C-alpha cells in the first residue's frame, strides 16, 4: 500500500508510522539481498504494510529500493 501524503510527510518529520521501524535519514546496513553488507541512509518510504519498502541512498551515492526486513540500524 502506498503511503498517503500525510504518512510520507510524517516519515520525513521523524513521526512514528505504524509498522515502520525506521525514520528518514536513519543510517542502516543491508543484511540480506543483492547489496548485503552495504550501508546507507533512508530517503523515503515507498510502500507500507507487512514489510515496508524504502528508498535507500547507498554510501556510493546510488539509490536502491529495500524492504524493512533486509536492513538493520548501524550502531556507532
PDB file of N, CA and C in Angstrom:
ATOM      1  N   UNK A   1       0.842  -1.169   0.000  1.00  0.00           N
ATOM      2  CA  UNK A   1       0.000   0.000   0.000  1.00  0.00           C
ATOM      3  C   UNK A   1       0.896   1.245   0.000  1.00  0.00           C
ATOM      4  N   UNK A   2       0.626   2.151  -0.904  1.00  0.00           N
ATOM      5  CA  UNK A   2       1.369   3.411  -0.983  1.00  0.00           C
ATOM      6  C   UNK A   2       1.029   4.288   0.222  1.00  0.00           C
ATOM      7  N   UNK A   3       2.027   4.980   0.775  1.00  0.00           N
ATOM      8  CA  UNK A   3       1.725   5.892   1.877  1.00  0.00           C
ATOM      9  C   UNK A   3       0.944   7.106   1.381  1.00  0.00           C
ATOM     10  N   UNK A   4       0.097   7.624   2.237  1.00  0.00           N
ATOM     11  CA  UNK A   4      -0.593   8.875   1.924  1.00  0.00           C
ATOM     12  C   UNK A   4       0.421  10.016   1.999  1.00  0.00           C
ATOM     13  N   UNK A   5       0.049  11.173   1.515  1.00  0.00           N
ATOM     14  CA  UNK A   5       0.932  12.339   1.610  1.00  0.00           C
ATOM     15  C   UNK A   5       1.239  12.652   3.071  1.00  0.00           C
ATOM     16  N   UNK A   6       0.232  12.518   3.953  1.00  0.00           N
ATOM     17  CA  UNK A   6       0.455  12.750   5.383  1.00  0.00           C
ATOM     18  C   UNK A   6       1.459  11.754   5.949  1.00  0.00           C
ATOM     19  N   UNK A   7       1.346  10.484   5.577  1.00  0.00           N
ATOM     20  CA  UNK A   7       2.287   9.475   6.063  1.00  0.00           C
ATOM     21  C   UNK A   7       3.693   9.738   5.533  1.00  0.00           C
ATOM     22  N   UNK A   8       3.794  10.125   4.279  1.00  0.00           N
ATOM     23  CA  UNK A   8       5.100  10.454   3.711  1.00  0.00           C
ATOM     24  C   UNK A   8       5.720  11.630   4.468  1.00  0.00           C
ATOM     25  N   UNK A   9       4.916  12.648   4.738  1.00  0.00           N
ATOM     26  CA  UNK A   9       5.404  13.805   5.493  1.00  0.00           C
ATOM     27  C   UNK A   9       5.776  13.426   6.919  1.00  0.00           C
ATOM     28  N   UNK A  10       5.008  12.519   7.537  1.00  0.00           N
ATOM     29  CA  UNK A  10       5.347  12.035   8.876  1.00  0.00           C
ATOM     30  C   UNK A  10       6.707  11.348   8.868  1.00  0.00           C
ATOM     31  N   UNK A  11       6.971  10.542   7.841  1.00  0.00           N
ATOM     32  CA  UNK A  11       8.269   9.867   7.737  1.00  0.00           C
ATOM     33  C   UNK A  11       9.391  10.901   7.673  1.00  0.00           C
ATOM     34  N   UNK A  12       9.220  11.909   6.848  1.00  0.00           N
ATOM     35  CA  UNK A  12      10.246  12.947   6.708  1.00  0.00           C
ATOM     36  C   UNK A  12      10.423  13.754   7.990  1.00  0.00           C
ATOM     37  N   UNK A  13       9.350  13.879   8.784  1.00  0.00           N
ATOM     38  CA  UNK A  13       9.377  14.652  10.030  1.00  0.00           C
ATOM     39  C   UNK A  13       9.746  13.795  11.240  1.00  0.00           C
ATOM     40  N   UNK A  14      10.127  12.544  11.018  1.00  0.00           N
ATOM     41  CA  UNK A  14      10.522  11.621  12.093  1.00  0.00           C
ATOM     42  C   UNK A  14       9.381  11.324  13.061  1.00  0.00           C
ATOM     43  N   UNK A  15       8.146  11.329  12.541  1.00  0.00           N
ATOM     44  CA  UNK A  15       6.987  10.955  13.351  1.00  0.00           C
ATOM     45  C   UNK A  15       6.702   9.474  13.135  1.00  0.00           C
ATOM     46  N   UNK A  16       6.267   8.763  14.175  1.00  0.00           N
ATOM     47  CA  UNK A  16       6.024   7.322  14.044  1.00  0.00           C
ATOM     48  C   UNK A  16       4.927   6.994  13.033  1.00  0.00           C
ATOM     49  N   UNK A  17       5.153   5.911  12.297  1.00  0.00           N
ATOM     50  CA  UNK A  17       4.157   5.347  11.387  1.00  0.00           C
ATOM     51  C   UNK A  17       4.016   3.883  11.773  1.00  0.00           C
ATOM     52  N   UNK A  18       2.797   3.448  11.993  1.00  0.00           N
ATOM     53  CA  UNK A  18       2.556   2.070  12.411  1.00  0.00           C
ATOM     54  C   UNK A  18       3.214   1.087  11.443  1.00  0.00           C
ATOM     55  N   UNK A  19       3.990   0.158  12.014  1.00  0.00           N
ATOM     56  CA  UNK A  19       4.640  -0.881  11.223  1.00  0.00           C
ATOM     57  C   UNK A  19       5.976  -0.492  10.623  1.00  0.00           C
ATOM     58  N   UNK A  20       6.370   0.778  10.781  1.00  0.00           N
ATOM     59  CA  UNK A  20       7.645   1.255  10.230  1.00  0.00           C
ATOM     60  C   UNK A  20       8.626   1.449  11.386  1.00  0.00           C
ATOM     61  N   UNK A  21       9.737   0.694  11.348  1.00  0.00           N
ATOM     62  CA  UNK A  21      10.717   0.724  12.437  1.00  0.00           C
ATOM     63  C   UNK A  21      11.808   1.773  12.250  1.00  0.00           C
ATOM     64  N   UNK A  22      11.838   2.419  11.107  1.00  0.00           N
ATOM     65  CA  UNK A  22      12.918   3.341  10.791  1.00  0.00           C
ATOM     66  C   UNK A  22      12.378   4.733  10.499  1.00  0.00           C
ATOM     67  N   UNK A  23      13.294   5.719  10.516  1.00  0.00           N
ATOM     68  CA  UNK A  23      12.944   7.107  10.238  1.00  0.00           C
ATOM     69  C   UNK A  23      13.791   7.632   9.084  1.00  0.00           C
ATOM     70  N   UNK A  24      13.363   8.748   8.545  1.00  0.00           N
ATOM     71  CA  UNK A  24      14.111   9.426   7.487  1.00  0.00           C
ATOM     72  C   UNK A  24      15.556   9.673   7.932  1.00  0.00           C
ATOM     73  N   UNK A  25      16.484   9.396   7.044  1.00  0.00           N
ATOM     74  CA  UNK A  25      17.923   9.586   7.253  1.00  0.00           C
ATOM     75  C   UNK A  25      18.546   8.599   8.225  1.00  0.00           C
ATOM     76  N   UNK A  26      17.811   7.596   8.700  1.00  0.00           N
ATOM     77  CA  UNK A  26      18.445   6.570   9.529  1.00  0.00           C
ATOM     78  C   UNK A  26      19.564   5.923   8.726  1.00  0.00           C
ATOM     79  N   UNK A  27      20.694   5.697   9.395  1.00  0.00           N
ATOM     80  CA  UNK A  27      21.844   5.040   8.774  1.00  0.00           C
ATOM     81  C   UNK A  27      21.708   3.547   9.045  1.00  0.00           C
ATOM     82  N   UNK A  28      21.646   2.765   7.977  1.00  0.00           N
ATOM     83  CA  UNK A  28      21.362   1.337   8.108  1.00  0.00           C
ATOM     84  C   UNK A  28      22.352   0.497   7.303  1.00  0.00           C
ATOM     85  N   UNK A  29      22.399  -0.782   7.649  1.00  0.00           N
ATOM     86  CA  UNK A  29      23.187  -1.782   6.924  1.00  0.00           C
ATOM     87  C   UNK A  29      22.223  -2.768   6.285  1.00  0.00           C
ATOM     88  N   UNK A  30      22.523  -3.161   5.073  1.00  0.00           N
ATOM     89  CA  UNK A  30      21.726  -4.166   4.383  1.00  0.00           C
ATOM     90  C   UNK A  30      22.200  -5.539   4.841  1.00  0.00           C
ATOM     91  N   UNK A  31      21.262  -6.359   5.329  1.00  0.00           N
ATOM     92  CA  UNK A  31      21.606  -7.668   5.887  1.00  0.00           C
ATOM     93  C   UNK A  31      21.159  -8.824   4.999  1.00  0.00           C
ATOM     94  N   UNK A  32      20.471  -8.528   3.909  1.00  0.00           N
ATOM     95  CA  UNK A  32      20.011  -9.585   3.000  1.00  0.00           C
ATOM     96  C   UNK A  32      19.818  -9.000   1.607  1.00  0.00           C
ATOM     97  N   UNK A  33      20.014  -9.849   0.615  1.00  0.00           N
ATOM     98  CA  UNK A  33      19.760  -9.432  -0.760  1.00  0.00           C
ATOM     99  C   UNK A  33      21.010  -9.029  -1.514  1.00  0.00           C
ATOM    100  N   UNK A  34      20.792  -8.465  -2.673  1.00  0.00           N
ATOM    101  CA  UNK A  34      21.843  -8.134  -3.638  1.00  0.00           C
ATOM    102  C   UNK A  34      22.933  -7.217  -3.074  1.00  0.00           C
ATOM    103  N   UNK A  35      22.572  -6.288  -2.212  1.00  0.00           N
ATOM    104  CA  UNK A  35      23.530  -5.308  -1.684  1.00  0.00           C
ATOM    105  C   UNK A  35      23.950  -5.613  -0.238  1.00  0.00           C
ATOM    106  N   UNK A  36      23.822  -6.861   0.172  1.00  0.00           N
ATOM    107  CA  UNK A  36      24.153  -7.262   1.551  1.00  0.00           C
ATOM    108  C   UNK A  36      25.538  -6.749   1.946  1.00  0.00           C
ATOM    109  N   UNK A  37      25.610  -6.166   3.164  1.00  0.00           N
ATOM    110  CA  UNK A  37      26.865  -5.662   3.701  1.00  0.00           C
ATOM    111  C   UNK A  37      27.112  -4.188   3.425  1.00  0.00           C
ATOM    112  N   UNK A  38      26.325  -3.584   2.543  1.00  0.00           N
ATOM    113  CA  UNK A  38      26.494  -2.163   2.235  1.00  0.00           C
ATOM    114  C   UNK A  38      25.668  -1.319   3.198  1.00  0.00           C
ATOM    115  N   UNK A  39      26.107  -0.079   3.391  1.00  0.00           N
ATOM    116  CA  UNK A  39      25.437   0.857   4.289  1.00  0.00           C
ATOM    117  C   UNK A  39      24.877   2.031   3.506  1.00  0.00           C
ATOM    118  N   UNK A  40      23.922   2.714   4.129  1.00  0.00           N
ATOM    119  CA  UNK A  40      23.366   3.909   3.514  1.00  0.00           C
ATOM    120  C   UNK A  40      22.340   4.566   4.416  1.00  0.00           C
ATOM    121  N   UNK A  41      21.707   5.603   3.887  1.00  0.00           N
ATOM    122  CA  UNK A  41      20.712   6.377   4.631  1.00  0.00           C
ATOM    123  C   UNK A  41      19.357   6.292   3.945  1.00  0.00           C
ATOM    124  N   UNK A  42      18.314   6.173   4.757  1.00  0.00           N
ATOM    125  CA  UNK A  42      16.961   6.064   4.220  1.00  0.00           C
ATOM    126  C   UNK A  42      16.469   7.418   3.723  1.00  0.00           C
ATOM    127  N   UNK A  43      15.955   7.419   2.501  1.00  0.00           N
ATOM    128  CA  UNK A  43      15.495   8.641   1.846  1.00  0.00           C
ATOM    129  C   UNK A  43      13.983   8.787   1.952  1.00  0.00           C
ATOM    130  N   UNK A  44      13.257   7.700   1.673  1.00  0.00           N
ATOM    131  CA  UNK A  44      11.792   7.772   1.702  1.00  0.00           C
ATOM    132  C   UNK A  44      11.202   6.389   1.917  1.00  0.00           C
ATOM    133  N   UNK A  45       9.932   6.381   2.299  1.00  0.00           N
ATOM    134  CA  UNK A  45       9.180   5.135   2.406  1.00  0.00           C
ATOM    135  C   UNK A  45       8.240   5.098   1.202  1.00  0.00           C
ATOM    136  N   UNK A  46       8.291   3.990   0.444  1.00  0.00           N
ATOM    137  CA  UNK A  46       7.542   3.867  -0.806  1.00  0.00           C
ATOM    138  C   UNK A  46       6.283   3.019  -0.667  1.00  0.00           C
ATOM    139  N   UNK A  47       6.312   2.047   0.239  1.00  0.00           N
ATOM    140  CA  UNK A  47       5.161   1.169   0.485  1.00  0.00           C
ATOM    141  C   UNK A  47       5.072   0.895   1.969  1.00  0.00           C
ATOM    142  N   UNK A  48       3.844   0.778   2.453  1.00  0.00           N
ATOM    143  CA  UNK A  48       3.586   0.384   3.832  1.00  0.00           C
ATOM    144  C   UNK A  48       3.019  -1.026   3.818  1.00  0.00           C
ATOM    145  N   UNK A  49       2.792  -1.584   4.992  1.00  0.00           N
ATOM    146  CA  UNK A  49       2.226  -2.920   5.077  1.00  0.00           C
ATOM    147  C   UNK A  49       3.110  -3.819   5.909  1.00  0.00           C
ATOM    148  N   UNK A  50       3.024  -5.105   5.638  1.00  0.00           N
ATOM    149  CA  UNK A  50       3.734  -6.105   6.432  1.00  0.00           C
ATOM    150  C   UNK A  50       5.253  -5.924   6.392  1.00  0.00           C
ATOM    151  N   UNK A  51       5.802  -5.534   5.257  1.00  0.00           N
ATOM    152  CA  UNK A  51       7.247  -5.353   5.092  1.00  0.00           C
ATOM    153  C   UNK A  51       7.487  -4.094   4.253  1.00  0.00           C
ATOM    154  N   UNK A  52       7.479  -2.918   4.913  1.00  0.00           N
ATOM    155  CA  UNK A  52       7.585  -1.660   4.178  1.00  0.00           C
ATOM    156  C   UNK A  52       8.790  -1.618   3.225  1.00  0.00           C
ATOM    157  N   UNK A  53       8.629  -0.837   2.162  1.00  0.00           N
ATOM    158  CA  UNK A  53       9.663  -0.662   1.146  1.00  0.00           C
ATOM    159  C   UNK A  53      10.189   0.766   1.223  1.00  0.00           C
ATOM    160  N   UNK A  54      11.518   0.893   1.242  1.00  0.00           N
ATOM    161  CA  UNK A  54      12.179   2.192   1.351  1.00  0.00           C
ATOM    162  C   UNK A  54      13.050   2.456   0.133  1.00  0.00           C
ATOM    163  N   UNK A  55      13.359   3.727  -0.086  1.00  0.00           N
ATOM    164  CA  UNK A  55      14.460   4.102  -0.965  1.00  0.00           C
ATOM    165  C   UNK A  55      15.645   4.378  -0.047  1.00  0.00           C
ATOM    166  N   UNK A  56      16.754   3.714  -0.342  1.00  0.00           N
ATOM    167  CA  UNK A  56      17.975   3.818   0.451  1.00  0.00           C
ATOM    168  C   UNK A  56      19.075   4.391  -0.429  1.00  0.00           C
ATOM    169  N   UNK A  57      19.698   5.475   0.027  1.00  0.00           N
ATOM    170  CA  UNK A  57      20.857   6.010  -0.679  1.00  0.00           C
ATOM    171  C   UNK A  57      22.101   5.335  -0.121  1.00  0.00           C
ATOM    172  N   UNK A  58      22.747   4.541  -0.956  1.00  0.00           N
ATOM    173  CA  UNK A  58      23.959   3.840  -0.550  1.00  0.00           C
ATOM    174  C   UNK A  58      25.111   4.828  -0.392  1.00  0.00           C
ATOM    175  N   UNK A  59      26.155   4.417   0.337  1.00  0.00           N
ATOM    176  CA  UNK A  59      27.326   5.272   0.516  1.00  0.00           C
ATOM    177  C   UNK A  59      27.973   5.636  -0.819  1.00  0.00           C
ATOM    178  N   UNK A  60      27.754   4.835  -1.840  1.00  0.00           N
ATOM    179  CA  UNK A  60      28.304   5.096  -3.171  1.00  0.00           C
ATOM    180  C   UNK A  60      27.564   6.223  -3.882  1.00  0.00           C
ATOM    181  N   UNK A  61      26.419   6.644  -3.322  1.00  0.00           N
ATOM    182  CA  UNK A  61      25.614   7.691  -3.931  1.00  0.00           C
ATOM    183  C   UNK A  61      24.463   7.169  -4.768  1.00  0.00           C
ATOM    184  N   UNK A  62      24.443   5.865  -5.010  1.00  0.00           N
ATOM    185  CA  UNK A  62      23.356   5.266  -5.778  1.00  0.00           C
ATOM    186  C   UNK A  62      22.174   4.963  -4.866  1.00  0.00           C
ATOM    187  N   UNK A  63      20.969   4.977  -5.427  1.00  0.00           N
ATOM    188  CA  UNK A  63      19.752   4.638  -4.695  1.00  0.00           C
ATOM    189  C   UNK A  63      19.327   3.219  -5.026  1.00  0.00           C
ATOM    190  N   UNK A  64      18.753   2.554  -4.027  1.00  0.00           N
ATOM    191  CA  UNK A  64      18.166   1.241  -4.236  1.00  0.00           C
ATOM    192  C   UNK A  64      16.888   1.163  -3.423  1.00  0.00           C
ATOM    193  N   UNK A  65      16.001   0.289  -3.833  1.00  0.00           N
ATOM    194  CA  UNK A  65      14.770   0.037  -3.072  1.00  0.00           C
ATOM    195  C   UNK A  65      15.014  -1.194  -2.213  1.00  0.00           C
ATOM    196  N   UNK A  66      14.612  -1.110  -0.954  1.00  0.00           N
ATOM    197  CA  UNK A  66      14.938  -2.170   0.002  1.00  0.00           C
ATOM    198  C   UNK A  66      13.787  -2.363   0.986  1.00  0.00           C
ATOM    199  N   UNK A  67      13.532  -3.609   1.349  1.00  0.00           N
ATOM    200  CA  UNK A  67      12.481  -3.941   2.320  1.00  0.00           C
ATOM    201  C   UNK A  67      12.999  -3.775   3.745  1.00  0.00           C
ATOM    202  N   UNK A  68      12.079  -3.461   4.644  1.00  0.00           N
ATOM    203  CA  UNK A  68      12.420  -3.289   6.053  1.00  0.00           C
ATOM    204  C   UNK A  68      13.112  -4.528   6.616  1.00  0.00           C
ATOM    205  N   UNK A  69      12.684  -5.705   6.193  1.00  0.00           N
ATOM    206  CA  UNK A  69      13.260  -6.952   6.703  1.00  0.00           C
ATOM    207  C   UNK A  69      14.698  -7.171   6.241  1.00  0.00           C
ATOM    208  N   UNK A  70      15.177  -6.366   5.297  1.00  0.00           N
ATOM    209  CA  UNK A  70      16.525  -6.530   4.752  1.00  0.00           C
ATOM    210  C   UNK A  70      17.541  -5.559   5.349  1.00  0.00           C
ATOM    211  N   UNK A  71      17.118  -4.736   6.312  1.00  0.00           N
ATOM    212  CA  UNK A  71      18.025  -3.729   6.866  1.00  0.00           C
ATOM    213  C   UNK A  71      18.006  -3.738   8.387  1.00  0.00           C
ATOM    214  N   UNK A  72      19.090  -3.180   8.953  1.00  0.00           N
ATOM    215  CA  UNK A  72      19.173  -3.006  10.406  1.00  0.00           C
ATOM    216  C   UNK A  72      19.889  -1.689  10.688  1.00  0.00           C
ATOM    217  N   UNK A  73      19.613  -1.112  11.858  1.00  0.00           N
ATOM    218  CA  UNK A  73      20.309   0.111  12.266  1.00  0.00           C
ATOM    219  C   UNK A  73      21.795  -0.173  12.423  1.00  0.00           C
ATOM    220  N   UNK A  74      22.611   0.809  12.093  1.00  0.00           N
ATOM    221  CA  UNK A  74      24.050   0.719  12.314  1.00  0.00           C
ATOM    222  C   UNK A  74      24.347   1.434  13.622  1.00  0.00           C
ATOM    223  N   UNK A  75      25.000   0.730  14.530  1.00  0.00           N
ATOM    224  CA  UNK A  75      25.415   1.325  15.804  1.00  0.00           C
ATOM    225  C   UNK A  75      26.810   1.911  15.639  1.00  0.00           C
ATOM    226  N   UNK A  76      26.970   3.138  16.098  1.00  0.00           N
ATOM    227  CA  UNK A  76      28.283   3.793  16.007  1.00  0.00           C
ATOM    228  C   UNK A  76      29.072   3.551  17.259  1.00  0.00           C
TER     229      UNK A  76
END
